[in-house]
PDB file of N, CA and C in Angstrom:
ATOM      1  N   UNK A   1       0.906  -1.207   0.082  1.00  0.00           N
ATOM      2  CA  UNK A   1       0.006  -0.026   0.083  1.00  0.00           C
ATOM      3  C   UNK A   1       0.973   1.306   0.005  1.00  0.00           C
ATOM      4  N   UNK A   2       0.726   2.103  -0.970  1.00  0.00           N
ATOM      5  CA  UNK A   2       1.407   3.299  -1.037  1.00  0.00           C
ATOM      6  C   UNK A   2       0.793   4.414  -0.304  1.00  0.00           C
ATOM      7  N   UNK A   3       1.434   5.128   0.581  1.00  0.00           N
ATOM      8  CA  UNK A   3       0.917   6.205   1.263  1.00  0.00           C
ATOM      9  C   UNK A   3       1.482   7.450   0.832  1.00  0.00           C
ATOM     10  N   UNK A   4       0.713   8.606   1.015  1.00  0.00           N
ATOM     11  CA  UNK A   4       1.255  10.085   0.728  1.00  0.00           C
ATOM     12  C   UNK A   4       2.083  10.286   1.930  1.00  0.00           C
ATOM     13  N   UNK A   5       3.109  11.220   1.536  1.00  0.00           N
ATOM     14  CA  UNK A   5       4.006  11.655   2.607  1.00  0.00           C
ATOM     15  C   UNK A   5       3.186  12.472   3.632  1.00  0.00           C
ATOM     16  N   UNK A   6       3.715  12.258   4.836  1.00  0.00           N
ATOM     17  CA  UNK A   6       3.148  13.008   6.161  1.00  0.00           C
ATOM     18  C   UNK A   6       1.758  12.353   6.417  1.00  0.00           C
ATOM     19  N   UNK A   7       1.542  11.106   6.130  1.00  0.00           N
ATOM     20  CA  UNK A   7       0.179  10.495   6.392  1.00  0.00           C
ATOM     21  C   UNK A   7       0.422   9.038   6.970  1.00  0.00           C
ATOM     22  N   UNK A   8      -0.593   8.508   7.491  1.00  0.00           N
ATOM     23  CA  UNK A   8      -0.458   7.098   8.079  1.00  0.00           C
ATOM     24  C   UNK A   8      -1.802   6.601   8.518  1.00  0.00           C
ATOM     25  N   UNK A   9      -1.887   5.475   9.215  1.00  0.00           N
ATOM     26  CA  UNK A   9      -3.153   4.794   9.726  1.00  0.00           C
ATOM     27  C   UNK A   9      -2.755   4.042  10.960  1.00  0.00           C
ATOM     28  N   UNK A  10      -3.745   4.158  11.846  1.00  0.00           N
ATOM     29  CA  UNK A  10      -3.622   3.276  13.108  1.00  0.00           C
ATOM     30  C   UNK A  10      -4.844   2.401  13.097  1.00  0.00           C
ATOM     31  N   UNK A  11      -4.452   1.188  13.641  1.00  0.00           N
ATOM     32  CA  UNK A  11      -5.577   0.131  13.640  1.00  0.00           C
ATOM     33  C   UNK A  11      -5.548  -0.373  15.157  1.00  0.00           C
ATOM     34  N   UNK A  12      -6.671  -0.872  15.578  1.00  0.00           N
ATOM     35  CA  UNK A  12      -6.897  -1.394  16.826  1.00  0.00           C
ATOM     36  C   UNK A  12      -5.991  -2.749  17.014  1.00  0.00           C
ATOM     37  N   UNK A  13      -5.322  -2.745  17.993  1.00  0.00           N
ATOM     38  CA  UNK A  13      -4.563  -3.962  18.195  1.00  0.00           C
ATOM     39  C   UNK A  13      -5.209  -5.050  18.827  1.00  0.00           C
ATOM     40  N   UNK A  14      -5.540  -6.035  17.846  1.00  0.00           N
ATOM     41  CA  UNK A  14      -6.313  -7.219  18.356  1.00  0.00           C
ATOM     42  C   UNK A  14      -5.490  -8.163  19.107  1.00  0.00           C
ATOM     43  N   UNK A  15      -4.121  -8.052  19.177  1.00  0.00           N
ATOM     44  CA  UNK A  15      -3.243  -9.023  19.866  1.00  0.00           C
ATOM     45  C   UNK A  15      -2.709  -8.483  21.270  1.00  0.00           C
ATOM     46  N   UNK A  16      -3.262  -7.400  21.673  1.00  0.00           N
ATOM     47  CA  UNK A  16      -2.915  -6.837  23.060  1.00  0.00           C
ATOM     48  C   UNK A  16      -3.133  -7.865  24.127  1.00  0.00           C
ATOM     49  N   UNK A  17      -2.031  -8.017  24.878  1.00  0.00           N
ATOM     50  CA  UNK A  17      -2.035  -9.111  25.923  1.00  0.00           C
ATOM     51  C   UNK A  17      -1.902  -8.590  27.250  1.00  0.00           C
ATOM     52  N   UNK A  18      -1.019  -7.465  27.413  1.00  0.00           N
ATOM     53  CA  UNK A  18      -0.745  -6.748  28.645  1.00  0.00           C
ATOM     54  C   UNK A  18      -1.008  -5.231  28.350  1.00  0.00           C
ATOM     55  N   UNK A  19      -1.040  -4.620  29.652  1.00  0.00           N
ATOM     56  CA  UNK A  19      -1.209  -3.111  29.643  1.00  0.00           C
ATOM     57  C   UNK A  19      -0.127  -2.383  28.814  1.00  0.00           C
ATOM     58  N   UNK A  20       1.005  -2.989  28.800  1.00  0.00           N
ATOM     59  CA  UNK A  20       2.219  -2.361  28.013  1.00  0.00           C
ATOM     60  C   UNK A  20       2.157  -2.347  26.499  1.00  0.00           C
ATOM     61  N   UNK A  21       1.390  -3.353  26.083  1.00  0.00           N
ATOM     62  CA  UNK A  21       1.152  -3.543  24.622  1.00  0.00           C
ATOM     63  C   UNK A  21       0.320  -2.257  24.086  1.00  0.00           C
ATOM     64  N   UNK A  22       0.586  -1.777  22.987  1.00  0.00           N
ATOM     65  CA  UNK A  22      -0.234  -0.529  22.497  1.00  0.00           C
ATOM     66  C   UNK A  22      -1.769  -1.012  22.199  1.00  0.00           C
ATOM     67  N   UNK A  23      -2.675  -0.040  22.370  1.00  0.00           N
ATOM     68  CA  UNK A  23      -4.071  -0.223  22.119  1.00  0.00           C
ATOM     69  C   UNK A  23      -4.235  -0.089  20.682  1.00  0.00           C
ATOM     70  N   UNK A  24      -3.357   0.666  19.840  1.00  0.00           N
ATOM     71  CA  UNK A  24      -3.557   0.810  18.444  1.00  0.00           C
ATOM     72  C   UNK A  24      -2.020   0.650  17.977  1.00  0.00           C
ATOM     73  N   UNK A  25      -1.832   0.297  16.661  1.00  0.00           N
ATOM     74  CA  UNK A  25      -0.634   0.260  15.964  1.00  0.00           C
ATOM     75  C   UNK A  25      -0.787   0.569  14.422  1.00  0.00           C
ATOM     76  N   UNK A  26       0.233   0.900  13.800  1.00  0.00           N
ATOM     77  CA  UNK A  26       0.132   1.075  12.355  1.00  0.00           C
ATOM     78  C   UNK A  26       1.394   1.665  11.843  1.00  0.00           C
ATOM     79  N   UNK A  27       1.348   2.161  10.732  1.00  0.00           N
ATOM     80  CA  UNK A  27       2.602   2.857  10.031  1.00  0.00           C
ATOM     81  C   UNK A  27       2.266   4.478   9.649  1.00  0.00           C
ATOM     82  N   UNK A  28       3.273   5.128   9.390  1.00  0.00           N
ATOM     83  CA  UNK A  28       3.237   6.610   9.080  1.00  0.00           C
ATOM     84  C   UNK A  28       4.357   6.785   8.189  1.00  0.00           C
ATOM     85  N   UNK A  29       4.194   7.633   7.253  1.00  0.00           N
ATOM     86  CA  UNK A  29       5.344   8.187   6.362  1.00  0.00           C
ATOM     87  C   UNK A  29       5.593   9.554   6.651  1.00  0.00           C
ATOM     88  N   UNK A  30       6.888   9.961   6.992  1.00  0.00           N
ATOM     89  CA  UNK A  30       7.182  11.394   7.182  1.00  0.00           C
ATOM     90  C   UNK A  30       8.507  11.642   6.671  1.00  0.00           C
ATOM     91  N   UNK A  31       8.542  12.616   5.735  1.00  0.00           N
ATOM     92  CA  UNK A  31       9.825  12.960   5.092  1.00  0.00           C
ATOM     93  C   UNK A  31      10.284  11.972   4.204  1.00  0.00           C
ATOM     94  N   UNK A  32       9.391  10.952   3.607  1.00  0.00           N
ATOM     95  CA  UNK A  32       9.684   9.825   2.802  1.00  0.00           C
ATOM     96  C   UNK A  32      10.183   8.765   3.634  1.00  0.00           C
ATOM     97  N   UNK A  33      10.304   8.806   4.808  1.00  0.00           N
ATOM     98  CA  UNK A  33      10.742   7.637   5.707  1.00  0.00           C
ATOM     99  C   UNK A  33       9.576   6.966   6.476  1.00  0.00           C
ATOM    100  N   UNK A  34       9.529   5.616   6.374  1.00  0.00           N
ATOM    101  CA  UNK A  34       8.461   4.872   7.035  1.00  0.00           C
ATOM    102  C   UNK A  34       8.736   4.648   8.589  1.00  0.00           C
ATOM    103  N   UNK A  35       7.741   4.769   9.407  1.00  0.00           N
ATOM    104  CA  UNK A  35       7.748   4.521  10.772  1.00  0.00           C
ATOM    105  C   UNK A  35       6.647   3.521  11.328  1.00  0.00           C
ATOM    106  N   UNK A  36       7.018   2.800  12.368  1.00  0.00           N
ATOM    107  CA  UNK A  36       6.066   2.169  13.071  1.00  0.00           C
ATOM    108  C   UNK A  36       5.389   3.144  14.050  1.00  0.00           C
ATOM    109  N   UNK A  37       3.975   3.086  14.237  1.00  0.00           N
ATOM    110  CA  UNK A  37       3.391   4.064  15.205  1.00  0.00           C
ATOM    111  C   UNK A  37       2.565   3.081  16.107  1.00  0.00           C
ATOM    112  N   UNK A  38       2.672   3.434  17.400  1.00  0.00           N
ATOM    113  CA  UNK A  38       1.991   2.836  18.450  1.00  0.00           C
ATOM    114  C   UNK A  38       1.171   3.767  19.322  1.00  0.00           C
ATOM    115  N   UNK A  39      -0.081   3.496  19.781  1.00  0.00           N
ATOM    116  CA  UNK A  39      -0.922   4.365  20.598  1.00  0.00           C
ATOM    117  C   UNK A  39      -1.516   3.678  21.695  1.00  0.00           C
ATOM    118  N   UNK A  40      -1.404   4.431  22.800  1.00  0.00           N
ATOM    119  CA  UNK A  40      -2.055   3.910  24.007  1.00  0.00           C
ATOM    120  C   UNK A  40      -3.140   4.846  24.549  1.00  0.00           C
ATOM    121  N   UNK A  41      -4.315   4.380  24.893  1.00  0.00           N
ATOM    122  CA  UNK A  41      -5.359   5.246  25.524  1.00  0.00           C
ATOM    123  C   UNK A  41      -5.156   5.392  26.953  1.00  0.00           C
ATOM    124  N   UNK A  42      -5.000   6.734  27.357  1.00  0.00           N
ATOM    125  CA  UNK A  42      -4.621   6.840  28.836  1.00  0.00           C
ATOM    126  C   UNK A  42      -5.570   7.935  29.227  1.00  0.00           C
ATOM    127  N   UNK A  43      -5.397   8.214  30.593  1.00  0.00           N
ATOM    128  CA  UNK A  43      -6.377   9.241  31.371  1.00  0.00           C
ATOM    129  C   UNK A  43      -5.228  10.175  32.026  1.00  0.00           C
ATOM    130  N   UNK A  44      -5.525  11.443  31.845  1.00  0.00           N
ATOM    131  CA  UNK A  44      -4.817  12.459  32.505  1.00  0.00           C
ATOM    132  C   UNK A  44      -5.085  12.537  34.032  1.00  0.00           C
ATOM    133  N   UNK A  45      -4.192  13.239  34.759  1.00  0.00           N
ATOM    134  CA  UNK A  45      -4.638  13.492  36.158  1.00  0.00           C
ATOM    135  C   UNK A  45      -5.915  14.200  36.390  1.00  0.00           C
ATOM    136  N   UNK A  46      -6.303  14.933  35.333  1.00  0.00           N
ATOM    137  CA  UNK A  46      -7.694  15.650  35.466  1.00  0.00           C
ATOM    138  C   UNK A  46      -8.803  14.855  35.089  1.00  0.00           C
ATOM    139  N   UNK A  47      -8.471  13.533  34.575  1.00  0.00           N
ATOM    140  CA  UNK A  47      -9.496  12.642  34.225  1.00  0.00           C
ATOM    141  C   UNK A  47      -9.832  12.608  32.673  1.00  0.00           C
ATOM    142  N   UNK A  48      -9.121  13.475  31.884  1.00  0.00           N
ATOM    143  CA  UNK A  48      -9.400  13.470  30.483  1.00  0.00           C
ATOM    144  C   UNK A  48      -8.670  12.317  29.772  1.00  0.00           C
ATOM    145  N   UNK A  49      -9.474  11.795  28.758  1.00  0.00           N
ATOM    146  CA  UNK A  49      -8.840  10.735  28.070  1.00  0.00           C
ATOM    147  C   UNK A  49      -8.065  11.231  26.906  1.00  0.00           C
ATOM    148  N   UNK A  50      -6.848  10.600  26.642  1.00  0.00           N
ATOM    149  CA  UNK A  50      -6.046  11.000  25.494  1.00  0.00           C
ATOM    150  C   UNK A  50      -5.280   9.937  24.876  1.00  0.00           C
ATOM    151  N   UNK A  51      -4.611  10.090  23.802  1.00  0.00           N
ATOM    152  CA  UNK A  51      -3.759   8.986  23.126  1.00  0.00           C
ATOM    153  C   UNK A  51      -2.461   9.329  23.275  1.00  0.00           C
ATOM    154  N   UNK A  52      -1.500   8.457  23.969  1.00  0.00           N
ATOM    155  CA  UNK A  52      -0.093   8.703  23.880  1.00  0.00           C
ATOM    156  C   UNK A  52       0.516   7.972  22.733  1.00  0.00           C
ATOM    157  N   UNK A  53       1.396   8.520  21.927  1.00  0.00           N
ATOM    158  CA  UNK A  53       1.999   7.952  20.677  1.00  0.00           C
ATOM    159  C   UNK A  53       3.414   7.817  20.782  1.00  0.00           C
ATOM    160  N   UNK A  54       3.910   6.776  20.216  1.00  0.00           N
ATOM    161  CA  UNK A  54       5.378   6.424  20.153  1.00  0.00           C
ATOM    162  C   UNK A  54       5.676   6.085  18.417  1.00  0.00           C
ATOM    163  N   UNK A  55       6.678   6.590  17.959  1.00  0.00           N
ATOM    164  CA  UNK A  55       7.165   6.286  16.685  1.00  0.00           C
ATOM    165  C   UNK A  55       8.539   5.723  16.599  1.00  0.00           C
ATOM    166  N   UNK A  56       8.665   4.612  15.706  1.00  0.00           N
ATOM    167  CA  UNK A  56       9.975   3.952  15.610  1.00  0.00           C
ATOM    168  C   UNK A  56      10.194   3.626  14.107  1.00  0.00           C
ATOM    169  N   UNK A  57      11.463   4.101  13.690  1.00  0.00           N
ATOM    170  CA  UNK A  57      11.782   4.007  12.332  1.00  0.00           C
ATOM    171  C   UNK A  57      11.610   2.388  12.012  1.00  0.00           C
ATOM    172  N   UNK A  58      11.108   2.201  10.680  1.00  0.00           N
ATOM    173  CA  UNK A  58      10.928   0.839  10.245  1.00  0.00           C
ATOM    174  C   UNK A  58      12.427   0.303   9.958  1.00  0.00           C
ATOM    175  N   UNK A  59      13.184   1.197   9.363  1.00  0.00           N
ATOM    176  CA  UNK A  59      14.581   0.743   9.084  1.00  0.00           C
ATOM    177  C   UNK A  59      15.537   1.166  10.239  1.00  0.00           C
ATOM    178  N   UNK A  60      15.100   0.846  11.386  1.00  0.00           N
ATOM    179  CA  UNK A  60      15.902   1.300  12.629  1.00  0.00           C
ATOM    180  C   UNK A  60      17.358   0.814  12.585  1.00  0.00           C
ATOM    181  N   UNK A  61      17.699  -0.316  12.298  1.00  0.00           N
ATOM    182  CA  UNK A  61      19.090  -0.792  12.137  1.00  0.00           C
ATOM    183  C   UNK A  61      19.853   0.012  11.198  1.00  0.00           C
ATOM    184  N   UNK A  62      19.322   0.549  10.083  1.00  0.00           N
ATOM    185  CA  UNK A  62      20.037   1.315   9.198  1.00  0.00           C
ATOM    186  C   UNK A  62      20.280   2.700   9.720  1.00  0.00           C
ATOM    187  N   UNK A  63      19.209   3.283  10.247  1.00  0.00           N
ATOM    188  CA  UNK A  63      19.499   4.624  10.926  1.00  0.00           C
ATOM    189  C   UNK A  63      20.446   4.602  11.999  1.00  0.00           C
ATOM    190  N   UNK A  64      20.337   3.561  12.857  1.00  0.00           N
ATOM    191  CA  UNK A  64      21.312   3.437  14.025  1.00  0.00           C
ATOM    192  C   UNK A  64      22.773   3.418  13.486  1.00  0.00           C
ATOM    193  N   UNK A  65      22.976   2.645  12.539  1.00  0.00           N
ATOM    194  CA  UNK A  65      24.266   2.488  11.891  1.00  0.00           C
ATOM    195  C   UNK A  65      24.852   3.926  11.354  1.00  0.00           C
ATOM    196  N   UNK A  66      23.812   4.611  10.731  1.00  0.00           N
ATOM    197  CA  UNK A  66      24.141   5.874  10.145  1.00  0.00           C
ATOM    198  C   UNK A  66      24.576   7.072  11.340  1.00  0.00           C
ATOM    199  N   UNK A  67      23.759   6.882  12.300  1.00  0.00           N
ATOM    200  CA  UNK A  67      23.988   7.727  13.540  1.00  0.00           C
ATOM    201  C   UNK A  67      25.298   7.396  14.147  1.00  0.00           C
ATOM    202  N   UNK A  68      25.698   6.107  14.168  1.00  0.00           N
ATOM    203  CA  UNK A  68      27.111   5.615  14.856  1.00  0.00           C
ATOM    204  C   UNK A  68      28.085   6.301  13.876  1.00  0.00           C
ATOM    205  N   UNK A  69      27.925   6.395  12.786  1.00  0.00           N
ATOM    206  CA  UNK A  69      29.058   6.953  11.909  1.00  0.00           C
ATOM    207  C   UNK A  69      29.272   8.372  11.940  1.00  0.00           C
ATOM    208  N   UNK A  70      28.231   9.028  12.408  1.00  0.00           N
ATOM    209  CA  UNK A  70      28.350  10.466  12.399  1.00  0.00           C
ATOM    210  C   UNK A  70      28.933  10.939  13.836  1.00  0.00           C
ATOM    211  N   UNK A  71      29.920  11.883  13.756  1.00  0.00           N
ATOM    212  CA  UNK A  71      30.430  12.199  15.086  1.00  0.00           C
ATOM    213  C   UNK A  71      29.563  13.437  15.613  1.00  0.00           C
ATOM    214  N   UNK A  72      29.313  13.393  16.974  1.00  0.00           N
ATOM    215  CA  UNK A  72      28.688  14.575  17.561  1.00  0.00           C
ATOM    216  C   UNK A  72      29.559  15.680  17.550  1.00  0.00           C
ATOM    217  N   UNK A  73      28.916  16.966  17.751  1.00  0.00           N
ATOM    218  CA  UNK A  73      29.789  18.184  17.718  1.00  0.00           C
ATOM    219  C   UNK A  73      30.675  18.214  18.796  1.00  0.00           C
ATOM    220  N   UNK A  74      30.262  17.624  20.023  1.00  0.00           N
ATOM    221  CA  UNK A  74      31.291  17.629  21.055  1.00  0.00           C
ATOM    222  C   UNK A  74      32.575  16.712  20.598  1.00  0.00           C
ATOM    223  N   UNK A  75      32.392  15.503  19.929  1.00  0.00           N
ATOM    224  CA  UNK A  75      33.408  14.729  19.527  1.00  0.00           C
ATOM    225  C   UNK A  75      34.307  15.600  18.516  1.00  0.00           C
ATOM    226  N   UNK A  76      33.666  16.280  17.614  1.00  0.00           N
ATOM    227  CA  UNK A  76      34.347  17.060  16.642  1.00  0.00           C
ATOM    228  C   UNK A  76      35.222  18.116  17.288  1.00  0.00           C
ATOM    229  N   UNK A  77      34.704  18.759  18.394  1.00  0.00           N
ATOM    230  CA  UNK A  77      35.476  19.811  18.935  1.00  0.00           C
ATOM    231  C   UNK A  77      36.666  19.213  19.850  1.00  0.00           C
ATOM    232  N   UNK A  78      36.460  18.060  20.276  1.00  0.00           N
ATOM    233  CA  UNK A  78      37.410  17.389  21.061  1.00  0.00           C
ATOM    234  C   UNK A  78      38.358  16.579  20.436  1.00  0.00           C
ATOM    235  N   UNK A  79      38.502  16.577  19.082  1.00  0.00           N
ATOM    236  CA  UNK A  79      39.476  15.888  18.258  1.00  0.00           C
ATOM    237  C   UNK A  79      40.912  16.572  18.421  1.00  0.00           C
ATOM    238  N   UNK A  80      41.903  15.839  18.280  1.00  0.00           N
ATOM    239  CA  UNK A  80      43.355  16.304  18.461  1.00  0.00           C
ATOM    240  C   UNK A  80      43.637  17.348  17.295  1.00  0.00           C
ATOM    241  N   UNK A  81      44.122  18.606  17.731  1.00  0.00           N
ATOM    242  CA  UNK A  81      44.539  19.411  16.929  1.00  0.00           C
ATOM    243  C   UNK A  81      46.072  19.191  16.548  1.00  0.00           C
ATOM    244  N   UNK A  82      46.527  19.028  15.336  1.00  0.00           N
ATOM    245  CA  UNK A  82      47.801  18.671  15.028  1.00  0.00           C
ATOM    246  C   UNK A  82      48.872  19.695  15.046  1.00  0.00           C
ATOM    247  N   UNK A  83      48.645  20.804  15.664  1.00  0.00           N
ATOM    248  CA  UNK A  83      49.760  21.664  15.901  1.00  0.00           C
ATOM    249  C   UNK A  83      49.830  22.293  17.188  1.00  0.00           C
TER     250      UNK A  83
END
C-alpha cells in the first residue's frame, strides 16, 4: 500500500495481551521515511482521555548505523589538533 508523505493509519491492536502493549498500531510516512506508530489510550490526572503515541523507524538498524558513523559536535570539537 503506497501512502502519501506525512500520512499514516492506526488500527486497533487485536493482539494486545498486557497493559504495556499498545491499544493501536500502524505505520506512518514522514519525510519519505516509514515509521511504526503505536498508541495507548490513557487518562490524564484531570480525568481527560487522551492517546499517547510512539514512533519507531521501520529501518531502525540502518538509521542506528548511520547515527553511529556521524560524530557528535562534542566529538568534533574534542579531536586532536595537529599543531
